Amino acid sequence: MSIALLIMIKDEFKAVKNIINSIGNVCEEKIIVVTGNKRVKESGDCKILYFPWHDDYSTPLNAGLRLCESKWVLRLDSDEEIDKINLKRVEKAVNLRDDVWAYEVNQRGYLPENRVEFGVKKVKKYKNYTNAVDDRCIRLFRNDPRVFFQYNTHETLYDSLERANLKYIKSNIVIHHWGKLNMKDKAPYYYKLAKDRLRRYPEEYQSYYYLGVSAEFIGKLEESYEAFKAGYEKYKSDYYRIPMEFIKEKRRRLNGGIN
């Protein structure tokens, strides 16, 4: 099965070249969506699409999908990488089952050893990092017009797959993510996008969650707690209860043990 590599960048084409080189022949088609104001130094046989940025991650990616001719799409960020073991898992997955339209992967976001954050755990050492947060997300999917990205931040394919009744399953594919190491600079902007997402999509299951996560990162613990609490009251799910309790305990410690 043919696989296309889909990446969205601002203008950091050097990082993309490293990803392309690591992919080798697994992805014969490469689609790069550029949202910055600078022309990039194009390289190889990549398809380059320039798309103006307007605080929305889904729209440029969907525009990139329209250029795709392959049967499958592997979506990566410019601050991510995939090793040879997981590339073999990608190749195996696309030839595994005819009834599956997409695969969930582990997006493993590495953190400094002293970083305390909701969901952090010890993982197998990779490039000297053993501290990470694993997030499940769909990054490998069939090239099908019924499958497309939604939401301005933390773009997702879940809704379109479920709307079309297309099957997705978990995989053992791991994508290594480095963005959390530099999150301090980006966090206020992601917080702004998360607030806008909740305003625009208050009925979407994950909107309260992403506001809770981004608010915690910039030190807005009360707002973080209220976001997780609102999500829990609405959905009665551990998806919200567990981070709500984490923030409650973190707040208690910072207050000297007083709730």
Protein backbone atom coordinates (compact mmCIF):
# COMPACT_ATOMS: atom_id res chain seq x y z
CA MET A 1 0.00 0.00 0.00
CA SER A 2 1.32 3.48 -0.89
CA ILE A 3 1.77 5.93 1.98
CA ALA A 4 2.00 9.73 1.88
CA LEU A 5 3.86 11.75 4.51
CA LEU A 6 1.89 14.86 5.54
CA ILE A 7 3.64 17.60 7.54
CA MET A 8 2.64 21.17 8.37
CA ILE A 9 5.36 23.72 9.16
CA LYS A 10 5.85 27.44 9.54
CA ASP A 11 9.17 27.73 7.70
CA GLU A 12 11.48 25.25 9.46
CA PHE A 13 12.24 23.13 6.39
CA LYS A 14 15.54 21.85 7.80
CA ALA A 15 13.68 19.79 10.42
CA VAL A 16 11.43 18.40 7.70
CA LYS A 17 14.45 17.29 5.67
CA ASN A 18 15.61 15.23 8.66
CA ILE A 19 12.20 13.58 8.91
CA ILE A 20 12.11 12.85 5.18
CA ASN A 21 15.56 11.30 5.32
CA SER A 22 14.53 9.08 8.24
CA ILE A 23 11.38 7.91 6.45
CA GLY A 24 13.39 6.54 3.53
CA ASN A 25 11.27 4.77 0.94
CA VAL A 26 8.35 4.02 3.26
CA CYS A 27 6.58 7.21 2.12
CA GLU A 28 7.12 7.82 -1.59
CA GLU A 29 4.84 10.87 -1.55
CA LYS A 30 5.69 13.86 0.68
CA ILE A 31 3.28 16.76 1.19
CA ILE A 32 4.54 19.82 3.09
CA VAL A 33 2.04 22.53 4.09
CA VAL A 34 3.83 25.83 4.84
CA THR A 35 1.94 28.38 6.93
CA GLY A 36 4.70 30.98 7.41
CA ASN A 37 5.39 34.13 5.42
CA LYS A 38 8.76 32.99 4.09
CA ARG A 39 9.43 30.90 1.02
CA VAL A 40 11.17 27.70 2.06
CA LYS A 41 14.14 26.16 0.34
CA GLU A 42 12.41 23.29 -1.39
CA SER A 43 14.16 19.96 -1.64
CA GLY A 44 13.60 16.67 -3.42
CA ASP A 45 10.26 15.64 -4.80
CA CYS A 46 8.07 17.16 -2.09
CA LYS A 47 4.73 18.73 -2.89
CA ILE A 48 4.77 22.19 -1.28
CA LEU A 49 1.54 24.00 -0.43
CA TYR A 50 1.63 27.57 0.93
CA PHE A 51 -1.38 28.25 3.14
CA PRO A 52 -1.94 31.48 5.16
CA TRP A 53 -2.05 30.91 8.92
CA HIS A 54 -5.25 31.94 10.73
CA ASP A 55 -5.11 30.28 14.17
CA ASP A 56 -6.49 26.99 12.91
CA TYR A 57 -4.54 23.74 12.52
CA SER A 58 -7.21 21.73 10.72
CA THR A 59 -7.81 23.83 7.61
CA PRO A 60 -4.21 23.80 6.25
CA LEU A 61 -3.93 20.05 6.89
CA ASN A 62 -7.18 19.39 5.04
CA ALA A 63 -5.87 21.44 2.13
CA GLY A 64 -2.75 19.27 2.14
CA LEU A 65 -4.89 16.13 2.05
CA ARG A 66 -6.41 17.28 -1.24
CA LEU A 67 -2.97 16.95 -2.85
CA CYS A 68 -2.55 13.38 -1.64
CA GLU A 69 -2.64 10.57 -4.19
CA SER A 70 -1.48 7.67 -1.98
CA LYS A 71 -3.77 5.08 -0.41
CA TRP A 72 -2.67 5.94 3.16
CA VAL A 73 -1.46 9.05 5.02
CA LEU A 74 1.13 9.26 7.81
CA ARG A 75 0.78 12.58 9.62
CA LEU A 76 3.79 13.94 11.51
CA ASP A 77 4.74 17.27 13.07
CA SER A 78 8.05 19.00 12.40
CA ASP A 79 9.04 18.45 16.06
CA GLU A 80 8.46 14.69 15.85
CA GLU A 81 10.29 11.65 14.56
CA ILE A 82 9.64 7.98 13.98
CA ASP A 83 12.32 5.31 14.29
CA LYS A 84 12.93 2.26 12.12
CA ILE A 85 11.09 -0.15 14.42
CA ASN A 86 7.93 1.95 14.29
CA LEU A 87 8.27 2.55 10.56
CA LYS A 88 8.10 -1.22 10.10
CA ARG A 89 4.95 -1.21 12.23
CA VAL A 90 3.48 1.44 9.91
CA GLU A 91 4.24 -0.68 6.86
CA LYS A 92 2.70 -3.72 8.51
CA ALA A 93 -0.42 -1.86 9.63
CA VAL A 94 -1.47 -0.60 6.21
CA ASN A 95 -1.38 -4.13 4.83
CA LEU A 96 -2.93 -5.80 7.86
CA ARG A 97 -6.71 -5.42 7.64
CA ASP A 98 -9.15 -4.36 4.95
CA ASP A 99 -11.81 -3.26 7.45
CA VAL A 100 -9.66 -0.66 9.28
CA TRP A 101 -9.57 2.95 8.11
CA ALA A 102 -7.25 4.41 10.73
CA TYR A 103 -4.84 3.57 13.54
CA GLU A 104 -4.30 5.22 16.88
CA VAL A 105 -0.65 5.66 17.81
CA ASN A 106 1.19 6.66 20.99
CA GLN A 107 2.44 10.22 20.66
CA ARG A 108 5.21 10.11 23.26
CA GLY A 109 6.03 13.61 24.47
CA TYR A 110 9.40 13.68 26.26
CA LEU A 111 10.00 15.88 29.31
CA PRO A 112 12.97 16.87 31.49
CA GLU A 113 13.47 14.54 34.45
CA ASN A 114 12.38 17.16 36.99
CA ARG A 115 9.16 18.15 35.19
CA VAL A 116 6.01 17.36 37.13
CA GLU A 117 2.98 17.22 34.87
CA PHE A 118 -0.32 15.38 34.69
CA GLY A 119 0.12 11.95 33.06
CA VAL A 120 3.93 11.90 33.24
CA LYS A 121 5.51 8.44 33.58
CA LYS A 122 8.77 6.56 33.13
CA VAL A 123 9.27 5.10 29.65
CA LYS A 124 11.93 3.15 27.80
CA LYS A 125 14.97 5.38 27.31
CA TYR A 126 15.08 7.16 23.97
CA LYS A 127 17.91 9.61 23.25
CA ASN A 128 18.62 9.85 26.99
CA TYR A 129 15.00 10.69 27.91
CA THR A 130 12.94 8.45 30.20
CA ASN A 131 10.27 10.96 31.33
CA ALA A 132 7.27 11.31 29.05
CA VAL A 133 3.53 11.70 28.58
CA ASP A 134 1.77 9.33 26.16
CA ASP A 135 -1.21 10.64 24.20
CA ARG A 136 -3.38 8.48 21.96
CA CYS A 137 -4.12 10.06 18.60
CA ILE A 138 -4.79 8.99 15.04
CA ARG A 139 -1.79 9.62 12.78
CA LEU A 140 -2.09 6.81 10.23
CA PHE A 141 -5.25 6.71 8.13
CA ARG A 142 -6.65 5.93 4.72
CA ASN A 143 -6.79 8.69 2.10
CA ASP A 144 -10.57 8.99 1.95
CA PRO A 145 -12.60 12.21 1.46
CA ARG A 146 -14.79 11.19 4.38
CA VAL A 147 -11.76 11.39 6.71
CA PHE A 148 -10.67 14.94 7.56
CA PHE A 149 -9.35 17.09 10.42
CA GLN A 150 -11.55 19.15 12.73
CA TYR A 151 -11.04 21.86 15.41
CA ASN A 152 -8.71 24.82 15.56
CA THR A 153 -6.24 23.19 17.97
CA HIS A 154 -5.45 19.56 18.82
CA GLU A 155 -6.94 18.72 15.45
CA THR A 156 -8.57 15.32 15.29
CA LEU A 157 -10.00 12.78 12.85
CA TYR A 158 -12.24 10.97 15.31
CA ASP A 159 -15.47 12.80 14.54
CA SER A 160 -15.23 12.34 10.78
CA LEU A 161 -14.44 8.63 11.16
CA GLU A 162 -17.34 8.06 13.54
CA ARG A 163 -19.72 10.12 11.40
CA ALA A 164 -18.94 7.91 8.38
CA ASN A 165 -18.98 4.75 10.54
CA LEU A 166 -15.38 3.96 9.60
CA LYS A 167 -13.39 1.68 11.90
CA TYR A 168 -10.23 2.74 13.75
CA ILE A 169 -8.19 0.65 16.20
CA LYS A 170 -5.23 1.01 18.54
CA SER A 171 -1.75 0.17 17.28
CA ASN A 172 1.67 -0.32 18.90
CA ILE A 173 3.17 2.49 16.79
CA VAL A 174 5.10 5.13 18.79
CA ILE A 175 5.82 8.62 17.47
CA HIS A 176 8.52 10.50 19.38
CA HIS A 177 7.47 14.07 20.16
CA TRP A 178 9.86 16.83 21.29
CA GLY A 179 7.46 19.76 21.46
CA LYS A 180 6.90 19.54 25.22
CA LEU A 181 10.56 20.36 25.82
CA ASN A 182 9.97 23.84 24.38
CA MET A 183 6.38 24.27 25.53
CA LYS A 184 7.16 27.24 27.79
CA ASP A 185 7.42 29.59 24.81
CA LYS A 186 4.30 28.24 23.07
CA ALA A 187 2.07 27.63 26.08
CA PRO A 188 0.33 31.06 26.23
CA TYR A 189 -0.62 30.78 22.56
CA TYR A 190 -1.96 27.23 22.99
CA TYR A 191 -3.94 28.43 26.02
CA LYS A 192 -5.52 31.12 23.84
CA LEU A 193 -6.44 28.55 21.19
CA ALA A 194 -7.83 26.17 23.81
CA LYS A 195 -10.12 28.90 25.18
CA ASP A 196 -11.30 29.64 21.65
CA ARG A 197 -11.90 25.93 20.99
CA LEU A 198 -14.12 25.62 24.07
CA ARG A 199 -16.02 28.76 23.05
CA ARG A 200 -16.60 27.44 19.53
CA TYR A 201 -17.14 23.77 20.36
CA PRO A 202 -18.59 23.53 23.89
CA GLU A 203 -20.26 20.19 23.10
CA GLU A 204 -17.05 18.51 21.88
CA TYR A 205 -15.82 15.89 24.34
CA GLN A 206 -12.17 17.03 24.57
CA SER A 207 -12.60 20.82 24.61
CA TYR A 208 -12.70 21.17 28.42
CA TYR A 209 -9.72 18.81 28.70
CA TYR A 210 -7.41 20.85 26.46
CA LEU A 211 -8.28 24.05 28.28
CA GLY A 212 -7.50 22.32 31.59
CA VAL A 213 -4.13 21.09 30.35
CA SER A 214 -3.04 24.40 28.81
CA ALA A 215 -4.23 26.45 31.80
CA GLU A 216 -2.23 24.24 34.18
CA PHE A 217 0.92 24.67 32.11
CA ILE A 218 0.89 28.46 32.44
CA GLY A 219 0.09 28.30 36.14
CA LYS A 220 -3.65 29.02 36.05
CA LEU A 221 -4.53 26.19 38.45
CA GLU A 222 -7.97 27.47 39.38
CA GLU A 223 -9.02 27.77 35.76
CA SER A 224 -7.50 24.36 35.04
CA TYR A 225 -9.42 22.77 37.91
CA GLU A 226 -12.69 24.41 36.87
CA ALA A 227 -12.25 23.20 33.27
CA PHE A 228 -11.65 19.60 34.33
CA LYS A 229 -14.50 19.84 36.85
CA ALA A 230 -16.90 21.14 34.20
CA GLY A 231 -15.86 18.30 31.88
CA TYR A 232 -16.39 15.74 34.63
CA GLU A 233 -19.81 17.10 35.56
CA LYS A 234 -20.82 16.98 31.92
CA TYR A 235 -19.45 13.54 30.98
CA LYS A 236 -18.92 11.68 34.30
CA SER A 237 -15.73 10.15 32.89
CA ASP A 238 -12.29 9.29 34.31
CA TYR A 239 -10.93 11.24 31.35
CA TYR A 240 -11.83 14.31 33.41
CA ARG A 241 -11.99 12.94 36.95
CA ILE A 242 -8.34 11.85 37.11
CA PRO A 243 -6.80 15.18 35.99
CA MET A 244 -9.34 17.03 38.15
CA GLU A 245 -8.09 15.14 41.22
CA PHE A 246 -4.47 15.71 40.16
CA ILE A 247 -4.99 19.48 39.96
CA LYS A 248 -6.90 19.47 43.25
CA GLU A 249 -3.97 17.77 45.00
CA LYS A 250 -1.41 20.03 43.31
CA ARG A 251 -3.39 23.06 44.43
CA ARG A 252 -3.59 21.68 47.98
CA ARG A 253 0.21 21.20 48.16
CA LEU A 254 0.85 24.70 46.90
CA ASN A 255 -1.52 26.05 49.56
CA GLY A 256 0.44 24.33 52.32
CA GLY A 257 -1.86 21.35 52.58
CA ILE A 258 -5.04 23.41 52.85
CA ASN A 259 -7.88 22.69 50.39
